[in-house]
Amino acid sequence: MFAIPNGGRRQIREAVKLKAQGVTKGVWDIFVAIPSCGYHGLWIEFKAGKNKLTKEQKLFGENMREMGYATHVCYSVDEAIAALKEYLNDRKVFSGVSLCCGPYVS
């Protein structure tokens, strides 16, 4: 599992440097590179309060699901831990949606 350093406010110099290194708009926050329940891995996007996915984040999530990855938007650390436990335990139910029968869309 690893975090992707997208998002956040940065000074222009740092933003230019990160873009040159390949930072891409819309890439989700956490990637779990472990296959489970027919998925290649799990992408997690963290949101605070009433924040929603950006247009780029929605597109990224859709693309990942089409390529066989599970996705989950989390509004708390506890929610992310629960999602990760369910995914890694290879359970059939992931927040009310079967992982084995179709992708989770949040």
C-alpha atoms as a PDB file:
ATOM      1  CA  MET A   1       0.000   0.000   0.000  1.00  0.00           C
ATOM      2  CA  PHE A   2       1.271   3.459  -0.801  1.00  0.00           C
ATOM      3  CA  ALA A   3       0.067   7.055  -0.916  1.00  0.00           C
ATOM      4  CA  ILE A   4       0.105   9.297  -3.969  1.00  0.00           C
ATOM      5  CA  PRO A   5       1.244  12.900  -3.244  1.00  0.00           C
ATOM      6  CA  ASN A   6      -1.344  14.691  -5.415  1.00  0.00           C
ATOM      7  CA  GLY A   7      -3.657  17.318  -3.904  1.00  0.00           C
ATOM      8  CA  GLY A   8      -2.973  19.982  -1.354  1.00  0.00           C
ATOM      9  CA  ARG A   9      -1.891  23.571  -1.788  1.00  0.00           C
ATOM     10  CA  ARG A  10       1.661  24.155  -2.922  1.00  0.00           C
ATOM     11  CA  GLN A  11       3.915  26.993  -3.905  1.00  0.00           C
ATOM     12  CA  ILE A  12       4.293  27.347  -7.670  1.00  0.00           C
ATOM     13  CA  ARG A  13       7.926  26.161  -7.666  1.00  0.00           C
ATOM     14  CA  GLU A  14       7.005  22.920  -5.881  1.00  0.00           C
ATOM     15  CA  ALA A  15       3.939  22.370  -8.111  1.00  0.00           C
ATOM     16  CA  VAL A  16       6.067  22.726 -11.264  1.00  0.00           C
ATOM     17  CA  LYS A  17       8.641  20.291  -9.858  1.00  0.00           C
ATOM     18  CA  LEU A  18       5.972  17.693  -8.956  1.00  0.00           C
ATOM     19  CA  LYS A  19       4.303  17.991 -12.361  1.00  0.00           C
ATOM     20  CA  ALA A  20       7.685  17.365 -14.012  1.00  0.00           C
ATOM     21  CA  GLN A  21       7.997  14.240 -11.851  1.00  0.00           C
ATOM     22  CA  GLY A  22       4.672  12.916 -13.166  1.00  0.00           C
ATOM     23  CA  VAL A  23       2.078  14.025 -10.609  1.00  0.00           C
ATOM     24  CA  THR A  24      -1.267  13.818 -12.426  1.00  0.00           C
ATOM     25  CA  LYS A  25      -4.591  15.503 -11.601  1.00  0.00           C
ATOM     26  CA  GLY A  26      -7.306  13.128 -10.433  1.00  0.00           C
ATOM     27  CA  VAL A  27      -5.150  10.210  -9.247  1.00  0.00           C
ATOM     28  CA  TRP A  28      -6.571   8.843  -6.008  1.00  0.00           C
ATOM     29  CA  ASP A  29      -4.824   9.025  -2.618  1.00  0.00           C
ATOM     30  CA  ILE A  30      -4.011   5.421  -1.716  1.00  0.00           C
ATOM     31  CA  PHE A  31      -3.290   2.318  -3.795  1.00  0.00           C
ATOM     32  CA  VAL A  32      -3.269  -1.222  -2.404  1.00  0.00           C
ATOM     33  CA  ALA A  33      -1.345  -3.404  -4.867  1.00  0.00           C
ATOM     34  CA  ILE A  34      -2.819  -6.694  -3.647  1.00  0.00           C
ATOM     35  CA  PRO A  35      -5.308  -8.649  -5.760  1.00  0.00           C
ATOM     36  CA  SER A  36      -8.460  -9.751  -3.938  1.00  0.00           C
ATOM     37  CA  CYS A  37     -11.855 -11.172  -4.917  1.00  0.00           C
ATOM     38  CA  GLY A  38     -11.188 -10.895  -8.634  1.00  0.00           C
ATOM     39  CA  TYR A  39      -9.804  -7.338  -8.501  1.00  0.00           C
ATOM     40  CA  HIS A  40      -6.227  -6.334  -9.341  1.00  0.00           C
ATOM     41  CA  GLY A  41      -5.981  -3.915  -6.401  1.00  0.00           C
ATOM     42  CA  LEU A  42      -7.837  -1.262  -4.423  1.00  0.00           C
ATOM     43  CA  TRP A  43      -7.836   2.530  -4.895  1.00  0.00           C
ATOM     44  CA  ILE A  44      -8.962   4.735  -1.977  1.00  0.00           C
ATOM     45  CA  GLU A  45      -9.781   8.448  -2.198  1.00  0.00           C
ATOM     46  CA  PHE A  46     -10.119  10.465   1.008  1.00  0.00           C
ATOM     47  CA  LYS A  47     -12.622  13.306   1.260  1.00  0.00           C
ATOM     48  CA  ALA A  48     -13.382  15.626   4.166  1.00  0.00           C
ATOM     49  CA  GLY A  49     -16.749  17.005   5.190  1.00  0.00           C
ATOM     50  CA  LYS A  50     -19.125  17.375   2.247  1.00  0.00           C
ATOM     51  CA  ASN A  51     -16.386  17.353  -0.391  1.00  0.00           C
ATOM     52  CA  LYS A  52     -17.111  15.317  -3.511  1.00  0.00           C
ATOM     53  CA  LEU A  53     -14.921  13.820  -6.192  1.00  0.00           C
ATOM     54  CA  THR A  54     -13.606  16.247  -8.789  1.00  0.00           C
ATOM     55  CA  LYS A  55     -14.312  15.626 -12.468  1.00  0.00           C
ATOM     56  CA  GLU A  56     -10.774  14.249 -12.854  1.00  0.00           C
ATOM     57  CA  GLN A  57     -11.155  11.975  -9.809  1.00  0.00           C
ATOM     58  CA  LYS A  58     -14.478  10.608 -11.093  1.00  0.00           C
ATOM     59  CA  LEU A  59     -12.891   9.829 -14.455  1.00  0.00           C
ATOM     60  CA  PHE A  60      -9.892   8.197 -12.786  1.00  0.00           C
ATOM     61  CA  GLY A  61     -12.180   6.015 -10.628  1.00  0.00           C
ATOM     62  CA  GLU A  62     -14.264   4.994 -13.648  1.00  0.00           C
ATOM     63  CA  ASN A  63     -11.124   4.104 -15.610  1.00  0.00           C
ATOM     64  CA  MET A  64      -9.731   2.042 -12.734  1.00  0.00           C
ATOM     65  CA  ARG A  65     -12.997   0.109 -12.339  1.00  0.00           C
ATOM     66  CA  GLU A  66     -13.072  -0.596 -16.090  1.00  0.00           C
ATOM     67  CA  MET A  67      -9.551  -2.003 -15.785  1.00  0.00           C
ATOM     68  CA  GLY A  68     -10.513  -4.345 -12.942  1.00  0.00           C
ATOM     69  CA  TYR A  69      -9.659  -2.403  -9.783  1.00  0.00           C
ATOM     70  CA  ALA A  70     -11.905  -1.883  -6.762  1.00  0.00           C
ATOM     71  CA  THR A  71     -12.448   1.722  -5.634  1.00  0.00           C
ATOM     72  CA  HIS A  72     -13.741   3.333  -2.456  1.00  0.00           C
ATOM     73  CA  VAL A  73     -14.231   6.952  -1.361  1.00  0.00           C
ATOM     74  CA  CYS A  74     -13.666   7.361   2.392  1.00  0.00           C
ATOM     75  CA  TYR A  75     -14.728  10.195   4.666  1.00  0.00           C
ATOM     76  CA  SER A  76     -12.809   9.012   7.735  1.00  0.00           C
ATOM     77  CA  VAL A  77      -9.821   6.915   8.720  1.00  0.00           C
ATOM     78  CA  ASP A  78     -12.183   4.393  10.319  1.00  0.00           C
ATOM     79  CA  GLU A  79     -14.078   4.040   7.040  1.00  0.00           C
ATOM     80  CA  ALA A  80     -10.806   3.470   5.173  1.00  0.00           C
ATOM     81  CA  ILE A  81      -9.669   0.837   7.688  1.00  0.00           C
ATOM     82  CA  ALA A  82     -13.020  -0.973   7.373  1.00  0.00           C
ATOM     83  CA  ALA A  83     -12.860  -0.854   3.562  1.00  0.00           C
ATOM     84  CA  LEU A  84      -9.297  -2.159   3.586  1.00  0.00           C
ATOM     85  CA  LYS A  85     -10.136  -4.978   6.021  1.00  0.00           C
ATOM     86  CA  GLU A  86     -13.115  -6.059   3.929  1.00  0.00           C
ATOM     87  CA  TYR A  87     -11.085  -5.950   0.733  1.00  0.00           C
ATOM     88  CA  LEU A  88      -8.145  -7.886   2.169  1.00  0.00           C
ATOM     89  CA  ASN A  89     -10.389 -10.444   3.880  1.00  0.00           C
ATOM     90  CA  ASP A  90     -11.712 -11.339   0.409  1.00  0.00           C
ATOM     91  CA  ARG A  91     -15.298 -10.992   1.610  1.00  0.00           C
ATOM     92  CA  LYS A  92     -18.161 -11.197  -0.820  1.00  0.00           C
ATOM     93  CA  VAL A  93     -19.776  -7.985   0.430  1.00  0.00           C
ATOM     94  CA  PHE A  94     -18.050  -4.602   0.320  1.00  0.00           C
ATOM     95  CA  SER A  95     -20.214  -1.832   1.777  1.00  0.00           C
ATOM     96  CA  GLY A  96     -23.385  -3.463   0.476  1.00  0.00           C
ATOM     97  CA  VAL A  97     -22.100  -4.181  -3.036  1.00  0.00           C
ATOM     98  CA  SER A  98     -20.642  -7.502  -4.100  1.00  0.00           C
ATOM     99  CA  LEU A  99     -17.015  -7.152  -5.115  1.00  0.00           C
ATOM    100  CA  CYS A 100     -17.090 -10.446  -6.953  1.00  0.00           C
ATOM    101  CA  CYS A 101     -20.138  -9.604  -9.031  1.00  0.00           C
ATOM    102  CA  GLY A 102     -19.349  -6.020  -9.989  1.00  0.00           C
ATOM    103  CA  PRO A 103     -17.271  -2.989  -9.101  1.00  0.00           C
ATOM    104  CA  TYR A 104     -17.999  -0.836  -6.098  1.00  0.00           C
ATOM    105  CA  VAL A 105     -19.057   2.652  -7.114  1.00  0.00           C
ATOM    106  CA  SER A 106     -19.228   5.348  -4.459  1.00  0.00           C
END
